[in-house]
Amino acid sequence: MENIPAVAGNKPLVINAEFIKLTIYNDVGNSANTNVYTFSSAYKSETIDGQAYTPLGGLLAVGVQQRDIRATSADTSITLSGIDGNNIYIALATKLKGSKIEITRGFYDNNYILSNTAHRFTGIVTSYNIGEDLALADDTDNFTVTVNASSFKAVLENRIAGRKTNPTSWQVFNSTDSSMNNIYSISDQNFDFGSPPLKKASTNSAAAQESEITSQSTQFYEGG
């Protein structure tokens, strides 16, 4: 378990802030083609691991992150309010869904200096919602963006993997794979597994044995 000195002991007040790192992948085939956006609920700019975080203060709200000893399939949400039209393109003009999101919690000492940080959440954006609020007084629009994210464990649990039982699927990786070449000839057959075979004996020895059993049964009933 991670030891955080800022919260160790019976401290009556813990000063902290949430730091969000959003990595948007512009090209699935090129993992280096990304845009990184960082922001925090702090009231001044902070740098963590060489990455500067833009302070948003009360405009940023972060949902609860579930903490378990084992990896858990937990979700969380992030809400950005007061966004103007110039910045709304982050949600509308980029591939926000499927991007990577990381949440770090920072702890301040009594002098409001960032002293410790603890990683809280790593996941993937699964959905987002945009709300609009029109202020009639000055005729300006304020947007609220809510981002929902699932942990990597939840994403892996919902992942669909494997190959279909047809030659085309099996020959994607190996064009000479003949494992499923005969699948069409048995696709419309019914197999009653565990039931006696429906076909009669095809060999002489098996046919003779079946005839002997039938004869013994007939004699048993005749003598009965």
C-alpha atoms as a PDB file:
ATOM      1  CA  MET A   1       0.000   0.000   0.000  1.00  0.00           C
ATOM      2  CA  GLU A   2       1.266   3.442  -0.920  1.00  0.00           C
ATOM      3  CA  ASN A   3       2.407   5.583   2.005  1.00  0.00           C
ATOM      4  CA  ILE A   4       1.342   9.226   1.696  1.00  0.00           C
ATOM      5  CA  PRO A   5       2.948  11.406   4.402  1.00  0.00           C
ATOM      6  CA  ALA A   6       0.466  14.215   3.784  1.00  0.00           C
ATOM      7  CA  VAL A   7      -2.414  12.092   5.113  1.00  0.00           C
ATOM      8  CA  ALA A   8      -0.493  10.006   7.664  1.00  0.00           C
ATOM      9  CA  GLY A   9      -1.459  10.402  11.296  1.00  0.00           C
ATOM     10  CA  ASN A  10      -4.466  12.184  12.744  1.00  0.00           C
ATOM     11  CA  LYS A  11      -4.387  15.365  10.700  1.00  0.00           C
ATOM     12  CA  PRO A  12      -7.549  17.468  11.042  1.00  0.00           C
ATOM     13  CA  LEU A  13      -7.158  19.062   7.601  1.00  0.00           C
ATOM     14  CA  VAL A  14      -5.882  17.628   4.340  1.00  0.00           C
ATOM     15  CA  ILE A  15      -5.447  20.042   1.448  1.00  0.00           C
ATOM     16  CA  ASN A  16      -5.559  18.320  -1.921  1.00  0.00           C
ATOM     17  CA  ALA A  17      -6.394  18.791  -5.587  1.00  0.00           C
ATOM     18  CA  GLU A  18      -7.143  16.533  -8.550  1.00  0.00           C
ATOM     19  CA  PHE A  19      -4.864  16.531 -11.596  1.00  0.00           C
ATOM     20  CA  ILE A  20      -6.228  15.198 -14.897  1.00  0.00           C
ATOM     21  CA  LYS A  21      -4.177  14.090 -17.905  1.00  0.00           C
ATOM     22  CA  LEU A  22      -6.143  13.377 -21.078  1.00  0.00           C
ATOM     23  CA  THR A  23      -4.343  11.693 -23.983  1.00  0.00           C
ATOM     24  CA  ILE A  24      -6.272  11.718 -27.254  1.00  0.00           C
ATOM     25  CA  TYR A  25      -5.070   9.344 -29.976  1.00  0.00           C
ATOM     26  CA  ASN A  26      -5.554  10.935 -33.392  1.00  0.00           C
ATOM     27  CA  ASP A  27      -4.501   7.864 -35.365  1.00  0.00           C
ATOM     28  CA  VAL A  28      -5.095   4.294 -34.187  1.00  0.00           C
ATOM     29  CA  GLY A  29      -2.199   3.023 -36.279  1.00  0.00           C
ATOM     30  CA  ASN A  30       0.257   5.588 -34.889  1.00  0.00           C
ATOM     31  CA  SER A  31       0.445   5.684 -31.106  1.00  0.00           C
ATOM     32  CA  ALA A  32       2.794   8.687 -31.235  1.00  0.00           C
ATOM     33  CA  ASN A  33       0.192  10.901 -32.945  1.00  0.00           C
ATOM     34  CA  THR A  34      -1.515  12.230 -29.834  1.00  0.00           C
ATOM     35  CA  ASN A  35      -2.756  15.407 -28.218  1.00  0.00           C
ATOM     36  CA  VAL A  36      -2.296  15.752 -24.465  1.00  0.00           C
ATOM     37  CA  TYR A  37      -4.491  18.022 -22.356  1.00  0.00           C
ATOM     38  CA  THR A  38      -3.875  18.606 -18.661  1.00  0.00           C
ATOM     39  CA  PHE A  39      -5.918  20.473 -16.095  1.00  0.00           C
ATOM     40  CA  SER A  40      -6.488  20.420 -12.351  1.00  0.00           C
ATOM     41  CA  SER A  41      -8.802  21.583  -9.603  1.00  0.00           C
ATOM     42  CA  ALA A  42      -5.937  23.594  -8.085  1.00  0.00           C
ATOM     43  CA  TYR A  43      -5.832  27.392  -8.114  1.00  0.00           C
ATOM     44  CA  LYS A  44      -2.307  27.689  -9.491  1.00  0.00           C
ATOM     45  CA  SER A  45      -0.276  25.936 -12.128  1.00  0.00           C
ATOM     46  CA  GLU A  46       1.580  22.839 -10.950  1.00  0.00           C
ATOM     47  CA  THR A  47       4.126  20.545 -12.586  1.00  0.00           C
ATOM     48  CA  ILE A  48       4.065  16.793 -11.912  1.00  0.00           C
ATOM     49  CA  ASP A  49       6.637  14.489 -13.547  1.00  0.00           C
ATOM     50  CA  GLY A  50       7.575  17.233 -15.989  1.00  0.00           C
ATOM     51  CA  GLN A  51       3.957  17.812 -17.056  1.00  0.00           C
ATOM     52  CA  ALA A  52       2.377  21.212 -16.370  1.00  0.00           C
ATOM     53  CA  TYR A  53      -1.280  21.244 -15.318  1.00  0.00           C
ATOM     54  CA  THR A  54      -3.583  24.166 -16.064  1.00  0.00           C
ATOM     55  CA  PRO A  55      -5.478  25.335 -12.958  1.00  0.00           C
ATOM     56  CA  LEU A  56      -9.274  25.381 -13.249  1.00  0.00           C
ATOM     57  CA  GLY A  57     -10.196  25.535  -9.589  1.00  0.00           C
ATOM     58  CA  GLY A  58     -13.907  25.065  -8.917  1.00  0.00           C
ATOM     59  CA  LEU A  59     -14.673  24.678 -12.635  1.00  0.00           C
ATOM     60  CA  LEU A  60     -13.405  21.097 -12.458  1.00  0.00           C
ATOM     61  CA  ALA A  61     -15.340  18.387 -10.628  1.00  0.00           C
ATOM     62  CA  VAL A  62     -14.025  14.820 -10.395  1.00  0.00           C
ATOM     63  CA  GLY A  63     -16.129  11.836  -9.391  1.00  0.00           C
ATOM     64  CA  VAL A  64     -15.233   9.302  -6.735  1.00  0.00           C
ATOM     65  CA  GLN A  65     -12.510   6.772  -7.539  1.00  0.00           C
ATOM     66  CA  GLN A  66     -13.052   3.405  -5.907  1.00  0.00           C
ATOM     67  CA  ARG A  67     -10.018   2.104  -4.021  1.00  0.00           C
ATOM     68  CA  ASP A  68      -9.667  -1.648  -3.427  1.00  0.00           C
ATOM     69  CA  ILE A  69      -6.754  -3.932  -2.643  1.00  0.00           C
ATOM     70  CA  ARG A  70      -7.483  -5.824  -5.839  1.00  0.00           C
ATOM     71  CA  ALA A  71      -7.968  -4.288  -9.266  1.00  0.00           C
ATOM     72  CA  THR A  72     -11.585  -3.277  -9.604  1.00  0.00           C
ATOM     73  CA  SER A  73     -13.896  -2.511 -12.521  1.00  0.00           C
ATOM     74  CA  ALA A  74     -14.775   0.976 -11.344  1.00  0.00           C
ATOM     75  CA  ASP A  75     -15.984   3.979 -13.327  1.00  0.00           C
ATOM     76  CA  THR A  76     -15.617   7.679 -12.676  1.00  0.00           C
ATOM     77  CA  SER A  77     -16.662  10.964 -14.250  1.00  0.00           C
ATOM     78  CA  ILE A  78     -15.078  14.358 -14.844  1.00  0.00           C
ATOM     79  CA  THR A  79     -17.064  17.561 -15.318  1.00  0.00           C
ATOM     80  CA  LEU A  80     -15.688  20.771 -16.838  1.00  0.00           C
ATOM     81  CA  SER A  81     -17.987  23.761 -16.494  1.00  0.00           C
ATOM     82  CA  GLY A  82     -17.765  27.335 -17.741  1.00  0.00           C
ATOM     83  CA  ILE A  83     -16.132  26.323 -21.015  1.00  0.00           C
ATOM     84  CA  ASP A  84     -16.504  28.850 -23.809  1.00  0.00           C
ATOM     85  CA  GLY A  85     -17.079  28.097 -27.455  1.00  0.00           C
ATOM     86  CA  ASN A  86     -13.408  28.418 -28.329  1.00  0.00           C
ATOM     87  CA  ASN A  87     -12.442  25.416 -26.197  1.00  0.00           C
ATOM     88  CA  ILE A  88     -15.422  23.203 -26.890  1.00  0.00           C
ATOM     89  CA  TYR A  89     -13.585  21.798 -29.919  1.00  0.00           C
ATOM     90  CA  ILE A  90     -11.727  19.422 -27.573  1.00  0.00           C
ATOM     91  CA  ALA A  91     -14.927  17.399 -27.350  1.00  0.00           C
ATOM     92  CA  LEU A  92     -16.323  18.057 -30.823  1.00  0.00           C
ATOM     93  CA  ALA A  93     -13.300  18.108 -33.135  1.00  0.00           C
ATOM     94  CA  THR A  94     -11.170  15.359 -31.570  1.00  0.00           C
ATOM     95  CA  LYS A  95     -11.539  11.639 -30.954  1.00  0.00           C
ATOM     96  CA  LEU A  96     -12.413  12.075 -27.305  1.00  0.00           C
ATOM     97  CA  LYS A  97     -14.122   8.707 -26.947  1.00  0.00           C
ATOM     98  CA  GLY A  98     -11.493   6.013 -26.501  1.00  0.00           C
ATOM     99  CA  SER A  99      -8.819   8.366 -25.232  1.00  0.00           C
ATOM    100  CA  LYS A 100      -6.734   7.602 -22.170  1.00  0.00           C
ATOM    101  CA  ILE A 101      -7.401   9.419 -18.930  1.00  0.00           C
ATOM    102  CA  GLU A 102      -5.210   9.515 -15.815  1.00  0.00           C
ATOM    103  CA  ILE A 103      -6.142  11.019 -12.469  1.00  0.00           C
ATOM    104  CA  THR A 104      -3.562  11.993  -9.858  1.00  0.00           C
ATOM    105  CA  ARG A 105      -4.287  13.472  -6.457  1.00  0.00           C
ATOM    106  CA  GLY A 106      -1.869  16.058  -5.107  1.00  0.00           C
ATOM    107  CA  PHE A 107      -1.450  16.975  -1.454  1.00  0.00           C
ATOM    108  CA  TYR A 108      -0.384  20.352  -0.104  1.00  0.00           C
ATOM    109  CA  ASP A 109       1.345  21.254   3.131  1.00  0.00           C
ATOM    110  CA  ASN A 110       0.264  24.064   5.444  1.00  0.00           C
ATOM    111  CA  ASN A 111       2.086  26.574   3.248  1.00  0.00           C
ATOM    112  CA  TYR A 112       0.079  25.443   0.194  1.00  0.00           C
ATOM    113  CA  ILE A 113       3.100  23.870  -1.457  1.00  0.00           C
ATOM    114  CA  LEU A 114       2.553  20.625  -3.348  1.00  0.00           C
ATOM    115  CA  SER A 115       4.396  18.022  -1.295  1.00  0.00           C
ATOM    116  CA  ASN A 116       3.109  14.583  -2.382  1.00  0.00           C
ATOM    117  CA  THR A 117       1.153  13.027  -5.216  1.00  0.00           C
ATOM    118  CA  ALA A 118      -0.660   9.697  -5.536  1.00  0.00           C
ATOM    119  CA  HIS A 119      -1.932   8.086  -8.729  1.00  0.00           C
ATOM    120  CA  ARG A 120      -5.652   7.384  -8.404  1.00  0.00           C
ATOM    121  CA  PHE A 121      -7.130   6.211 -11.685  1.00  0.00           C
ATOM    122  CA  THR A 122      -6.205   5.073 -15.191  1.00  0.00           C
ATOM    123  CA  GLY A 123      -8.902   4.325 -17.721  1.00  0.00           C
ATOM    124  CA  ILE A 124     -10.498   4.993 -21.076  1.00  0.00           C
ATOM    125  CA  VAL A 125     -13.184   7.520 -21.964  1.00  0.00           C
ATOM    126  CA  THR A 126     -16.348   5.589 -22.810  1.00  0.00           C
ATOM    127  CA  SER A 127     -18.796   8.462 -23.333  1.00  0.00           C
ATOM    128  CA  TYR A 128     -19.238  12.191 -22.904  1.00  0.00           C
ATOM    129  CA  ASN A 129     -22.052  14.687 -22.672  1.00  0.00           C
ATOM    130  CA  ILE A 130     -22.185  18.396 -23.535  1.00  0.00           C
ATOM    131  CA  GLY A 131     -24.577  20.796 -21.841  1.00  0.00           C
ATOM    132  CA  GLU A 132     -25.245  24.397 -22.860  1.00  0.00           C
ATOM    133  CA  ASP A 133     -26.347  27.255 -20.632  1.00  0.00           C
ATOM    134  CA  LEU A 134     -27.319  30.538 -22.264  1.00  0.00           C
ATOM    135  CA  ALA A 135     -26.879  33.605 -20.065  1.00  0.00           C
ATOM    136  CA  LEU A 136     -29.596  36.066 -21.105  1.00  0.00           C
ATOM    137  CA  ALA A 137     -27.971  38.974 -19.317  1.00  0.00           C
ATOM    138  CA  ASP A 138     -24.949  39.193 -21.614  1.00  0.00           C
ATOM    139  CA  ASP A 139     -26.067  36.721 -24.315  1.00  0.00           C
ATOM    140  CA  THR A 140     -23.115  34.360 -23.786  1.00  0.00           C
ATOM    141  CA  ASP A 141     -22.989  30.588 -23.851  1.00  0.00           C
ATOM    142  CA  ASN A 142     -21.416  28.500 -21.110  1.00  0.00           C
ATOM    143  CA  PHE A 143     -20.778  24.854 -21.849  1.00  0.00           C
ATOM    144  CA  THR A 144     -20.435  21.932 -19.464  1.00  0.00           C
ATOM    145  CA  VAL A 145     -18.644  18.801 -20.602  1.00  0.00           C
ATOM    146  CA  THR A 146     -19.065  15.601 -18.595  1.00  0.00           C
ATOM    147  CA  VAL A 147     -16.662  12.788 -19.430  1.00  0.00           C
ATOM    148  CA  ASN A 148     -17.334   9.220 -18.262  1.00  0.00           C
ATOM    149  CA  ALA A 149     -14.390   6.854 -18.000  1.00  0.00           C
ATOM    150  CA  SER A 150     -14.024   3.152 -17.253  1.00  0.00           C
ATOM    151  CA  SER A 151     -10.971   1.535 -15.735  1.00  0.00           C
ATOM    152  CA  PHE A 152      -8.741  -0.657 -17.869  1.00  0.00           C
ATOM    153  CA  LYS A 153     -10.069  -3.742 -16.049  1.00  0.00           C
ATOM    154  CA  ALA A 154     -13.650  -2.987 -17.074  1.00  0.00           C
ATOM    155  CA  VAL A 155     -12.565  -2.418 -20.681  1.00  0.00           C
ATOM    156  CA  LEU A 156     -10.719  -5.744 -20.800  1.00  0.00           C
ATOM    157  CA  GLU A 157     -13.717  -7.581 -19.331  1.00  0.00           C
ATOM    158  CA  ASN A 158     -15.949  -6.265 -22.132  1.00  0.00           C
ATOM    159  CA  ARG A 159     -13.431  -6.998 -24.862  1.00  0.00           C
ATOM    160  CA  ILE A 160     -14.555  -9.396 -27.573  1.00  0.00           C
ATOM    161  CA  ALA A 161     -11.723 -11.485 -28.987  1.00  0.00           C
ATOM    162  CA  GLY A 162     -11.261 -14.654 -30.997  1.00  0.00           C
ATOM    163  CA  ARG A 163     -11.973 -15.969 -34.466  1.00  0.00           C
ATOM    164  CA  LYS A 164     -15.091 -17.225 -36.193  1.00  0.00           C
ATOM    165  CA  THR A 165     -15.523 -20.844 -37.251  1.00  0.00           C
ATOM    166  CA  ASN A 166     -15.124 -20.294 -40.977  1.00  0.00           C
ATOM    167  CA  PRO A 167     -12.153 -20.576 -43.360  1.00  0.00           C
ATOM    168  CA  THR A 168     -12.006 -16.832 -44.046  1.00  0.00           C
ATOM    169  CA  SER A 169     -11.501 -15.957 -40.378  1.00  0.00           C
ATOM    170  CA  TRP A 170      -8.856 -18.630 -39.830  1.00  0.00           C
ATOM    171  CA  GLN A 171      -6.903 -17.727 -42.952  1.00  0.00           C
ATOM    172  CA  VAL A 172      -6.455 -14.073 -42.017  1.00  0.00           C
ATOM    173  CA  PHE A 173      -3.183 -14.838 -40.251  1.00  0.00           C
ATOM    174  CA  ASN A 174      -2.226 -17.913 -42.295  1.00  0.00           C
ATOM    175  CA  SER A 175      -3.555 -18.214 -45.842  1.00  0.00           C
ATOM    176  CA  THR A 176      -2.755 -21.960 -45.943  1.00  0.00           C
ATOM    177  CA  ASP A 177      -4.678 -22.826 -42.779  1.00  0.00           C
ATOM    178  CA  SER A 178      -7.130 -25.618 -43.668  1.00  0.00           C
ATOM    179  CA  SER A 179      -8.561 -26.205 -40.179  1.00  0.00           C
ATOM    180  CA  MET A 180     -12.042 -24.997 -41.152  1.00  0.00           C
ATOM    181  CA  ASN A 181     -12.224 -26.140 -44.775  1.00  0.00           C
ATOM    182  CA  ASN A 182     -14.800 -28.858 -43.999  1.00  0.00           C
ATOM    183  CA  ILE A 183     -16.949 -26.761 -41.684  1.00  0.00           C
ATOM    184  CA  TYR A 184     -19.612 -26.120 -44.334  1.00  0.00           C
ATOM    185  CA  SER A 185     -20.223 -29.855 -44.887  1.00  0.00           C
ATOM    186  CA  ILE A 186     -21.256 -30.363 -41.245  1.00  0.00           C
ATOM    187  CA  SER A 187     -22.823 -26.976 -40.568  1.00  0.00           C
ATOM    188  CA  ASP A 188     -26.374 -28.292 -41.135  1.00  0.00           C
ATOM    189  CA  GLN A 189     -25.921 -31.612 -39.301  1.00  0.00           C
ATOM    190  CA  ASN A 190     -27.455 -32.389 -35.918  1.00  0.00           C
ATOM    191  CA  PHE A 191     -25.341 -34.287 -33.412  1.00  0.00           C
ATOM    192  CA  ASP A 192     -27.081 -35.849 -30.400  1.00  0.00           C
ATOM    193  CA  PHE A 193     -24.089 -36.146 -28.121  1.00  0.00           C
ATOM    194  CA  GLY A 194     -24.557 -38.858 -25.502  1.00  0.00           C
ATOM    195  CA  SER A 195     -27.355 -40.644 -27.387  1.00  0.00           C
ATOM    196  CA  PRO A 196     -26.999 -44.114 -29.014  1.00  0.00           C
ATOM    197  CA  PRO A 197     -25.785 -44.010 -32.625  1.00  0.00           C
ATOM    198  CA  LEU A 198     -28.624 -43.858 -35.141  1.00  0.00           C
ATOM    199  CA  LYS A 199     -26.786 -45.611 -37.960  1.00  0.00           C
ATOM    200  CA  LYS A 200     -26.695 -49.439 -38.159  1.00  0.00           C
ATOM    201  CA  ALA A 201     -23.490 -51.438 -37.865  1.00  0.00           C
ATOM    202  CA  SER A 202     -21.418 -51.311 -41.010  1.00  0.00           C
ATOM    203  CA  THR A 203     -18.899 -54.137 -40.368  1.00  0.00           C
ATOM    204  CA  ASN A 204     -19.522 -57.894 -40.505  1.00  0.00           C
ATOM    205  CA  SER A 205     -18.332 -58.522 -36.950  1.00  0.00           C
ATOM    206  CA  ALA A 206     -20.477 -55.755 -35.532  1.00  0.00           C
ATOM    207  CA  ALA A 207     -23.469 -56.895 -37.618  1.00  0.00           C
ATOM    208  CA  ALA A 208     -23.056 -60.488 -36.408  1.00  0.00           C
ATOM    209  CA  GLN A 209     -22.838 -59.350 -32.804  1.00  0.00           C
ATOM    210  CA  GLU A 210     -25.991 -57.230 -33.226  1.00  0.00           C
ATOM    211  CA  SER A 211     -27.812 -60.239 -34.838  1.00  0.00           C
ATOM    212  CA  GLU A 212     -26.820 -62.494 -31.919  1.00  0.00           C
ATOM    213  CA  ILE A 213     -28.144 -60.009 -29.360  1.00  0.00           C
ATOM    214  CA  THR A 214     -31.434 -59.700 -31.264  1.00  0.00           C
ATOM    215  CA  SER A 215     -31.779 -63.506 -31.440  1.00  0.00           C
ATOM    216  CA  GLN A 216     -31.167 -63.905 -27.714  1.00  0.00           C
ATOM    217  CA  SER A 217     -33.798 -61.260 -26.976  1.00  0.00           C
ATOM    218  CA  THR A 218     -36.356 -63.039 -29.208  1.00  0.00           C
ATOM    219  CA  GLN A 219     -35.727 -66.390 -27.500  1.00  0.00           C
ATOM    220  CA  PHE A 220     -36.094 -64.777 -24.086  1.00  0.00           C
ATOM    221  CA  TYR A 221     -39.527 -63.386 -24.936  1.00  0.00           C
ATOM    222  CA  GLU A 222     -40.681 -66.639 -26.668  1.00  0.00           C
ATOM    223  CA  GLY A 223     -39.717 -68.733 -23.680  1.00  0.00           C
ATOM    224  CA  GLY A 224     -41.099 -66.260 -21.239  1.00  0.00           C
END
